[in-house]
Structure formats: structure tokens, C-alpha cells
C-alpha atoms as a PDB file:
ATOM      1  CA  MET A   1       0.000   0.000   0.000  1.00  0.00           C
ATOM      2  CA  THR A   2       1.134   3.564  -0.602  1.00  0.00           C
ATOM      3  CA  ASN A   3       1.960   5.509   2.540  1.00  0.00           C
ATOM      4  CA  ARG A   4       0.985   9.165   2.361  1.00  0.00           C
ATOM      5  CA  ALA A   5       1.276  12.031   4.818  1.00  0.00           C
ATOM      6  CA  ARG A   6      -2.047  12.566   6.523  1.00  0.00           C
ATOM      7  CA  PRO A   7      -3.593  14.503   9.421  1.00  0.00           C
ATOM      8  CA  GLU A   8      -3.030  13.100  12.905  1.00  0.00           C
ATOM      9  CA  SER A   9      -5.146   9.980  13.446  1.00  0.00           C
ATOM     10  CA  THR A  10      -7.800   9.994  16.133  1.00  0.00           C
ATOM     11  CA  LEU A  11      -7.112   6.330  16.906  1.00  0.00           C
ATOM     12  CA  CYS A  12      -5.786   6.080  20.441  1.00  0.00           C
ATOM     13  CA  ASP A  13      -5.705   3.697  23.380  1.00  0.00           C
ATOM     14  CA  SER A  14      -7.398   5.931  25.934  1.00  0.00           C
ATOM     15  CA  ALA A  15     -10.770   6.573  24.309  1.00  0.00           C
ATOM     16  CA  ALA A  16     -13.527   6.044  26.884  1.00  0.00           C
ATOM     17  CA  VAL A  17     -16.367   4.547  24.874  1.00  0.00           C
ATOM     18  CA  GLU A  18     -19.322   2.581  26.200  1.00  0.00           C
ATOM     19  CA  PRO A  19     -19.168  -1.000  24.851  1.00  0.00           C
ATOM     20  CA  VAL A  20     -21.512  -1.495  21.903  1.00  0.00           C
ATOM     21  CA  ASP A  21     -22.024  -4.384  19.520  1.00  0.00           C
ATOM     22  CA  ILE A  22     -20.291  -3.136  16.395  1.00  0.00           C
ATOM     23  CA  THR A  23     -19.942  -6.618  14.895  1.00  0.00           C
ATOM     24  CA  PRO A  24     -22.847  -6.281  12.412  1.00  0.00           C
ATOM     25  CA  ARG A  25     -21.506  -2.978  11.094  1.00  0.00           C
ATOM     26  CA  ALA A  26     -17.992  -4.391  10.813  1.00  0.00           C
ATOM     27  CA  GLN A  27     -19.375  -7.358   8.891  1.00  0.00           C
ATOM     28  CA  GLU A  28     -21.134  -4.937   6.544  1.00  0.00           C
ATOM     29  CA  LEU A  29     -17.852  -3.103   5.973  1.00  0.00           C
ATOM     30  CA  ALA A  30     -16.026  -6.375   5.282  1.00  0.00           C
ATOM     31  CA  ALA A  31     -18.684  -7.354   2.732  1.00  0.00           C
ATOM     32  CA  ALA A  32     -18.575  -3.940   1.056  1.00  0.00           C
ATOM     33  CA  LEU A  33     -14.787  -4.065   0.788  1.00  0.00           C
ATOM     34  CA  ALA A  34     -14.856  -7.615  -0.609  1.00  0.00           C
ATOM     35  CA  ALA A  35     -17.464  -6.481  -3.157  1.00  0.00           C
ATOM     36  CA  ASP A  36     -15.295  -3.502  -4.175  1.00  0.00           C
ATOM     37  CA  SER A  37     -18.219  -1.169  -3.454  1.00  0.00           C
ATOM     38  CA  ILE A  38     -16.862   2.256  -2.625  1.00  0.00           C
ATOM     39  CA  GLU A  39     -20.434   3.569  -2.372  1.00  0.00           C
ATOM     40  CA  ARG A  40     -21.308   1.083   0.392  1.00  0.00           C
ATOM     41  CA  ILE A  41     -18.046   1.832   2.200  1.00  0.00           C
ATOM     42  CA  GLN A  42     -18.797   5.566   2.075  1.00  0.00           C
ATOM     43  CA  GLY A  43     -22.259   4.855   3.480  1.00  0.00           C
ATOM     44  CA  LEU A  44     -20.642   3.185   6.502  1.00  0.00           C
ATOM     45  CA  SER A  45     -18.216   6.084   7.051  1.00  0.00           C
ATOM     46  CA  ALA A  46     -18.522   9.327   8.973  1.00  0.00           C
ATOM     47  CA  ALA A  47     -18.358  12.359   6.679  1.00  0.00           C
ATOM     48  CA  ASP A  48     -15.279  13.802   8.404  1.00  0.00           C
ATOM     49  CA  PHE A  49     -13.336  10.547   8.069  1.00  0.00           C
ATOM     50  CA  TRP A  50     -14.352  10.141   4.435  1.00  0.00           C
ATOM     51  CA  GLU A  51     -13.348  13.662   3.485  1.00  0.00           C
ATOM     52  CA  ARG A  52     -10.115  13.588   5.490  1.00  0.00           C
ATOM     53  CA  VAL A  53      -8.585  10.276   4.335  1.00  0.00           C
ATOM     54  CA  GLY A  54     -11.239   7.647   3.658  1.00  0.00           C
ATOM     55  CA  GLU A  55     -12.098   8.431   0.044  1.00  0.00           C
ATOM     56  CA  ALA A  56      -8.453   8.673  -1.031  1.00  0.00           C
ATOM     57  CA  ASP A  57      -7.428   5.526   0.848  1.00  0.00           C
ATOM     58  CA  TYR A  58     -10.214   3.375  -0.565  1.00  0.00           C
ATOM     59  CA  ALA A  59      -9.628   4.697  -4.068  1.00  0.00           C
ATOM     60  CA  GLU A  60      -6.163   3.117  -3.756  1.00  0.00           C
ATOM     61  CA  ARG A  61      -7.312  -0.116  -2.095  1.00  0.00           C
ATOM     62  CA  LEU A  62     -10.015  -1.027  -4.565  1.00  0.00           C
ATOM     63  CA  PRO A  63     -10.451  -3.343  -6.290  1.00  0.00           C
ATOM     64  CA  VAL A  64      -9.517  -5.942  -3.680  1.00  0.00           C
ATOM     65  CA  GLY A  65     -10.594  -8.901  -5.770  1.00  0.00           C
ATOM     66  CA  GLY A  66      -9.922 -11.222  -2.857  1.00  0.00           C
ATOM     67  CA  ALA A  67     -10.996 -12.101   0.671  1.00  0.00           C
ATOM     68  CA  VAL A  68     -11.878  -9.830   3.595  1.00  0.00           C
ATOM     69  CA  GLU A  69     -12.180 -11.412   7.050  1.00  0.00           C
ATOM     70  CA  LEU A  70     -13.385  -9.894  10.296  1.00  0.00           C
ATOM     71  CA  LEU A  71     -10.722 -10.936  12.792  1.00  0.00           C
ATOM     72  CA  GLY A  72     -12.508  -9.578  15.837  1.00  0.00           C
ATOM     73  CA  THR A  73     -13.735  -6.592  17.796  1.00  0.00           C
ATOM     74  CA  LEU A  74     -12.713  -4.713  20.926  1.00  0.00           C
ATOM     75  CA  ASN A  75     -15.205  -2.214  22.367  1.00  0.00           C
ATOM     76  CA  ASP A  76     -15.548   0.426  19.615  1.00  0.00           C
ATOM     77  CA  ARG A  77     -12.829  -1.122  17.432  1.00  0.00           C
ATOM     78  CA  SER A  78     -12.938  -3.758  14.706  1.00  0.00           C
ATOM     79  CA  LEU A  79     -10.171  -5.462  12.798  1.00  0.00           C
ATOM     80  CA  LEU A  80     -10.357  -6.657   9.181  1.00  0.00           C
ATOM     81  CA  LEU A  81      -7.813  -8.838   7.369  1.00  0.00           C
ATOM     82  CA  VAL A  82      -7.665  -8.099   3.636  1.00  0.00           C
ATOM     83  CA  THR A  83      -6.078 -10.650   1.299  1.00  0.00           C
ATOM     84  CA  PRO A  84      -6.132  -9.372  -2.304  1.00  0.00           C
ATOM     85  CA  ASP A  85      -5.810 -11.694  -5.278  1.00  0.00           C
ATOM     86  CA  ALA A  86      -2.373 -12.372  -6.704  1.00  0.00           C
ATOM     87  CA  GLY A  87      -1.075  -9.457  -8.714  1.00  0.00           C
ATOM     88  CA  LEU A  88      -2.482  -6.805  -6.386  1.00  0.00           C
ATOM     89  CA  ASP A  89      -0.906  -5.343  -3.269  1.00  0.00           C
ATOM     90  CA  GLY A  90      -0.085  -7.788  -0.481  1.00  0.00           C
ATOM     91  CA  ARG A  91      -2.187  -8.672   2.532  1.00  0.00           C
ATOM     92  CA  TYR A  92      -2.882  -6.002   5.115  1.00  0.00           C
ATOM     93  CA  ALA A  93      -5.126  -5.392   8.116  1.00  0.00           C
ATOM     94  CA  LEU A  94      -7.396  -2.433   8.866  1.00  0.00           C
ATOM     95  CA  GLU A  95      -8.414  -1.330  12.347  1.00  0.00           C
ATOM     96  CA  GLN A  96     -11.567   0.792  12.510  1.00  0.00           C
ATOM     97  CA  ALA A  97     -12.662   3.134  15.267  1.00  0.00           C
ATOM     98  CA  TRP A  98     -16.464   3.411  15.189  1.00  0.00           C
ATOM     99  CA  SER A  99     -18.459   6.455  16.260  1.00  0.00           C
ATOM    100  CA  ASP A 100     -21.203   6.431  18.889  1.00  0.00           C
ATOM    101  CA  ALA A 101     -23.803   7.340  16.265  1.00  0.00           C
ATOM    102  CA  SER A 102     -26.797   5.067  15.747  1.00  0.00           C
ATOM    103  CA  PRO A 103     -25.898   3.089  13.727  1.00  0.00           C
ATOM    104  CA  PRO A 104     -22.130   3.464  14.266  1.00  0.00           C
ATOM    105  CA  LEU A 105     -19.976   4.905  11.484  1.00  0.00           C
ATOM    106  CA  VAL A 106     -16.255   4.539  10.809  1.00  0.00           C
ATOM    107  CA  ALA A 107     -14.666   7.556  12.497  1.00  0.00           C
ATOM    108  CA  ASP A 108     -11.045   6.639  11.805  1.00  0.00           C
ATOM    109  CA  GLU A 109      -8.938   3.803  10.503  1.00  0.00           C
ATOM    110  CA  ARG A 110      -5.377   2.529  10.805  1.00  0.00           C
ATOM    111  CA  GLU A 111      -3.590   0.218   8.366  1.00  0.00           C
ATOM    112  CA  PHE A 112      -1.191  -2.555   9.377  1.00  0.00           C
ATOM    113  CA  SER A 113       1.027  -3.945   6.623  1.00  0.00           C
ATOM    114  CA  LEU A 114       4.296  -5.854   6.402  1.00  0.00           C
ATOM    115  CA  VAL A 115       7.586  -4.981   4.732  1.00  0.00           C
ATOM    116  CA  ASP A 116      10.078  -7.492   3.377  1.00  0.00           C
ATOM    117  CA  ALA A 117      12.913  -6.698   5.755  1.00  0.00           C
ATOM    118  CA  ALA A 118      15.305  -9.198   4.152  1.00  0.00           C
ATOM    119  CA  ARG A 119      14.812  -7.606   0.730  1.00  0.00           C
ATOM    120  CA  LEU A 120      15.315  -4.094   2.106  1.00  0.00           C
ATOM    121  CA  ARG A 121      18.511  -5.126   3.864  1.00  0.00           C
ATOM    122  CA  ALA A 122      19.782  -6.808   0.705  1.00  0.00           C
ATOM    123  CA  GLN A 123      19.168  -3.623  -1.295  1.00  0.00           C
ATOM    124  CA  GLY A 124      21.393  -1.726   1.102  1.00  0.00           C
ATOM    125  CA  ASP A 125      19.377   1.495   0.965  1.00  0.00           C
ATOM    126  CA  ASP A 126      20.559   3.090   4.202  1.00  0.00           C
ATOM    127  CA  GLU A 127      18.049   5.948   4.003  1.00  0.00           C
ATOM    128  CA  THR A 128      15.069   3.604   3.676  1.00  0.00           C
ATOM    129  CA  LEU A 129      16.393   1.297   6.375  1.00  0.00           C
ATOM    130  CA  ALA A 130      16.832   4.224   8.765  1.00  0.00           C
ATOM    131  CA  ARG A 131      13.334   5.535   8.025  1.00  0.00           C
ATOM    132  CA  MET A 132      11.766   2.117   8.628  1.00  0.00           C
ATOM    133  CA  ALA A 133      14.048   1.009  11.470  1.00  0.00           C
ATOM    134  CA  THR A 134      11.322   0.860  14.135  1.00  0.00           C
ATOM    135  CA  LYS A 135       8.871  -1.038  11.906  1.00  0.00           C
ATOM    136  CA  ILE A 136      11.508  -3.565  10.860  1.00  0.00           C
ATOM    137  CA  ALA A 137      12.803  -4.078  14.407  1.00  0.00           C
ATOM    138  CA  CYS A 138       9.299  -4.635  15.778  1.00  0.00           C
ATOM    139  CA  GLN A 139       8.453  -7.037  12.960  1.00  0.00           C
ATOM    140  CA  ASP A 140      11.581  -8.997  13.847  1.00  0.00           C
ATOM    141  CA  ALA A 141      10.546  -9.038  17.512  1.00  0.00           C
ATOM    142  CA  ALA A 142       7.030 -10.160  16.595  1.00  0.00           C
ATOM    143  CA  GLU A 143       8.368 -12.949  14.380  1.00  0.00           C
ATOM    144  CA  ALA A 144      10.434 -14.184  17.314  1.00  0.00           C
ATOM    145  CA  LEU A 145       7.310 -14.015  19.468  1.00  0.00           C
ATOM    146  CA  CYS A 146       5.361 -16.065  16.904  1.00  0.00           C
ATOM    147  CA  ALA A 147       8.057 -18.728  16.916  1.00  0.00           C
ATOM    148  CA  ALA A 148       8.050 -18.868  20.717  1.00  0.00           C
ATOM    149  CA  LEU A 149       4.248 -19.076  20.858  1.00  0.00           C
ATOM    150  CA  ALA A 150       4.118 -21.852  18.256  1.00  0.00           C
ATOM    151  CA  ALA A 151       6.760 -23.762  20.230  1.00  0.00           C
ATOM    152  CA  ARG A 152       4.891 -23.138  23.491  1.00  0.00           C
ATOM    153  CA  ASP A 153       8.111 -21.695  24.891  1.00  0.00           C
ATOM    154  CA  VAL A 154       6.587 -20.100  27.977  1.00  0.00           C
ATOM    155  CA  ALA A 155       9.903 -18.833  29.353  1.00  0.00           C
ATOM    156  CA  ALA A 156      10.855 -17.131  26.082  1.00  0.00           C
ATOM    157  CA  VAL A 157       7.478 -15.392  25.796  1.00  0.00           C
ATOM    158  CA  ARG A 158       7.612 -14.226  29.405  1.00  0.00           C
ATOM    159  CA  ALA A 159      11.077 -12.770  28.808  1.00  0.00           C
ATOM    160  CA  MET A 160       9.732 -10.692  25.909  1.00  0.00           C
ATOM    161  CA  VAL A 161       7.557  -8.606  28.246  1.00  0.00           C
ATOM    162  CA  GLU A 162       9.230  -5.477  29.538  1.00  0.00           C
ATOM    163  CA  PRO A 163      10.307  -5.356  33.221  1.00  0.00           C
ATOM    164  CA  GLY A 164       7.705  -4.456  35.833  1.00  0.00           C
ATOM    165  CA  LYS A 165       4.752  -5.885  33.886  1.00  0.00           C
ATOM    166  CA  ASP A 166       4.251  -9.060  35.911  1.00  0.00           C
ATOM    167  CA  GLU A 167       0.513  -9.376  35.247  1.00  0.00           C
ATOM    168  CA  LEU A 168       1.040  -8.913  31.525  1.00  0.00           C
ATOM    169  CA  ALA A 169       3.884 -11.436  31.569  1.00  0.00           C
ATOM    170  CA  ASP A 170       1.629 -13.959  33.318  1.00  0.00           C
ATOM    171  CA  ARG A 171      -1.116 -13.515  30.697  1.00  0.00           C
ATOM    172  CA  GLU A 172       1.277 -13.925  27.782  1.00  0.00           C
ATOM    173  CA  ALA A 173       2.901 -16.950  29.405  1.00  0.00           C
ATOM    174  CA  ALA A 174      -0.532 -18.539  29.825  1.00  0.00           C
ATOM    175  CA  ARG A 175      -1.270 -17.796  26.156  1.00  0.00           C
ATOM    176  CA  ALA A 176       1.986 -19.474  25.139  1.00  0.00           C
ATOM    177  CA  ALA A 177       1.080 -22.581  27.123  1.00  0.00           C
ATOM    178  CA  GLU A 178      -2.102 -23.026  25.050  1.00  0.00           C
ATOM    179  CA  ALA A 179      -0.948 -21.813  21.629  1.00  0.00           C
ATOM    180  CA  THR A 180      -0.856 -24.131  18.625  1.00  0.00           C
ATOM    181  CA  ARG A 181       0.090 -21.610  15.931  1.00  0.00           C
ATOM    182  CA  ALA A 182       0.922 -17.915  15.609  1.00  0.00           C
ATOM    183  CA  GLU A 183       1.278 -15.625  12.615  1.00  0.00           C
ATOM    184  CA  LEU A 184       2.354 -12.019  12.156  1.00  0.00           C
ATOM    185  CA  VAL A 185      -0.268 -10.322   9.985  1.00  0.00           C
ATOM    186  CA  GLY A 186       0.720  -6.651  10.032  1.00  0.00           C
ATOM    187  CA  SER A 187       2.600  -3.813  11.654  1.00  0.00           C
ATOM    188  CA  VAL A 188       2.628  -0.044  11.887  1.00  0.00           C
ATOM    189  CA  GLY A 189       5.464   1.722  13.707  1.00  0.00           C
ATOM    190  CA  PRO A 190       6.033  -0.037  17.046  1.00  0.00           C
ATOM    191  CA  ARG A 191       2.723  -1.940  16.867  1.00  0.00           C
ATOM    192  CA  THR A 192       2.300  -5.418  15.442  1.00  0.00           C
ATOM    193  CA  LEU A 193      -0.709  -7.680  14.915  1.00  0.00           C
ATOM    194  CA  VAL A 194      -0.236 -11.357  15.773  1.00  0.00           C
ATOM    195  CA  ARG A 195      -2.945 -13.953  15.214  1.00  0.00           C
ATOM    196  CA  VAL A 196      -2.757 -16.806  17.710  1.00  0.00           C
ATOM    197  CA  TRP A 197      -4.557 -20.134  17.459  1.00  0.00           C
ATOM    198  CA  SER A 198      -5.320 -22.571  20.281  1.00  0.00           C
ATOM    199  CA  ALA A 199      -7.782 -25.387  20.882  1.00  0.00           C
ATOM    200  CA  ALA A 200     -10.336 -22.724  21.863  1.00  0.00           C
ATOM    201  CA  GLY A 201     -10.109 -20.919  18.506  1.00  0.00           C
ATOM    202  CA  ASP A 202      -8.135 -17.847  17.503  1.00  0.00           C
ATOM    203  CA  VAL A 203      -7.634 -14.279  18.655  1.00  0.00           C
ATOM    204  CA  THR A 204      -5.643 -11.408  17.199  1.00  0.00           C
ATOM    205  CA  LEU A 205      -3.386  -9.406  19.492  1.00  0.00           C
ATOM    206  CA  GLU A 206      -2.061  -5.921  18.958  1.00  0.00           C
ATOM    207  CA  TYR A 207       1.344  -5.736  20.607  1.00  0.00           C
ATOM    208  CA  LEU A 208       2.944  -2.403  21.432  1.00  0.00           C
ATOM    209  CA  TRP A 209       6.734  -2.743  21.587  1.00  0.00           C
ATOM    210  CA  ARG A 210       9.117  -0.524  23.543  1.00  0.00           C
ATOM    211  CA  ARG A 211      12.884  -0.408  23.180  1.00  0.00           C
ATOM    212  CA  HIS A 212      15.055  -1.211  26.195  1.00  0.00           C
ATOM    213  CA  ASP A 213      18.699  -0.665  25.276  1.00  0.00           C
ATOM    214  CA  ASP A 214      18.985  -2.768  22.094  1.00  0.00           C
ATOM    215  CA  VAL A 215      16.031  -5.052  22.832  1.00  0.00           C
ATOM    216  CA  TRP A 216      12.391  -4.464  21.889  1.00  0.00           C
ATOM    217  CA  GLN A 217       9.960  -5.783  24.495  1.00  0.00           C
ATOM    218  CA  ILE A 218       6.178  -5.962  24.869  1.00  0.00           C
ATOM    219  CA  ALA A 219       4.795  -2.901  26.639  1.00  0.00           C
ATOM    220  CA  MET A 220       1.057  -3.410  26.064  1.00  0.00           C
ATOM    221  CA  VAL A 221      -1.344  -5.927  24.514  1.00  0.00           C
ATOM    222  CA  ARG A 222      -4.876  -5.418  23.156  1.00  0.00           C
ATOM    223  CA  GLU A 223      -6.955  -8.493  22.314  1.00  0.00           C
ATOM    224  CA  PHE A 224      -9.510  -8.555  19.522  1.00  0.00           C
ATOM    225  CA  GLY A 225     -12.075 -11.249  20.251  1.00  0.00           C
ATOM    226  CA  ARG A 226     -12.938 -13.594  17.446  1.00  0.00           C
ATOM    227  CA  ALA A 227     -16.215 -12.532  15.871  1.00  0.00           C
ATOM    228  CA  GLY A 228     -19.122 -14.941  15.592  1.00  0.00           C
END
């Protein structure tokens, strides 16, 4: 996907929003995106969002020509995984923040994508590598996390949580003990999305990474519950 300068996003972690069931609206958005219907997507979007970035972003994304899956929801947030057909841009995820209107409308959106770090390093473009250093480092950390989760390496996962976060470390260790598979599906800056499977199903986690000396560690986790 093309990255363009844009106004400051309103997506944040501290928004105090009463829990609402946004699943039906998120499913509508997924269906509209899979159908390549920019009119339906606009109808699900707040006017401010559409005028600010939505129309331009979706003009670039369409046609998808592939699959769109609702990974889960979290309060006023939803998470879609977009897998275009071969020949189009690669897979990416979209996180929506929904308004408190009735029915809810997309108020803002954030895109998570992946870069081919090995290819960038092989090209030796120091300027690009410096500009994308945080994204690449956090992708590397998330890939190591995926490997540890898939191996059920509880000690390794616990060690990836930054110091002083004992409760968080306990939760991630418990997740590792039950995991059967894990996959990195996207990143933006120091945030990565990791989909984790267990006997109970799957969830998608947004990990916020923080640098400690030369090591990136987990500072916060948000869990998107599996829809349906």
C-alpha cells in the first residue's frame, strides 16, 4: 500500500467509549470491501473521516478482488484482514474506530502492513532502512514471538515482556502454554498484529513494543475477540 502524509489519526488507546455491539456494522464493511463497493463503504463512514482520508485511501485499495475477514472486535474497534488476489498489493489489516452514532460509522482507521525486511537489507538502501528502522525491528521481535508461541516456549514469551509488567507477563505466558500456531499479519510503527490459534479458537493481538537498550519488548497488549 502507498503511505501518504495525513492529518493526525484519532485512533488512540485511551478513548472512553461505552461497549456497543459493532460486529454487524464491521461485517457490513467487510462485505462492502470484498465487493469492491466504494459507495457502500462511504455509506458506513462518517463524513469527516471520508473527506479527510477515507475516500483517497479506498480509491487506492479497490479493487480488492480477494478475501476480507473480520478478525474480531474490541469495544468500539474492529479489525479486518484483507487478502487481495495475486497481482495486487499484499495482505494487510485495517483497524476501525467506530463512532457512537446510531448506527455506528467509521470515524477513523489505521492500516497494518508488512515490509520485506530481508529484501530491504539486501538492497542496502541506508536511508530507507533508517526511516523504517522501528517497523523492521518490531516485525523482527514479533516474528520471534510467533516462533516462541508456536513452540509453546513459555519462558521465552515471558522474557519478551518489559520489566515491571508481571501481570502482563503472566497472561502472555498462559497464552503461550495453550498456543498451537501464531502468525504475524501486520505492523505499523512499534505496533504489530499477531494472530494466535489454540484449541479454543483464535484471537488477534495488537502488541505495542518498547525499546530497552537494544532489545524491543512488549509494553502493552490489546486483544480482539474472534467474531461470531
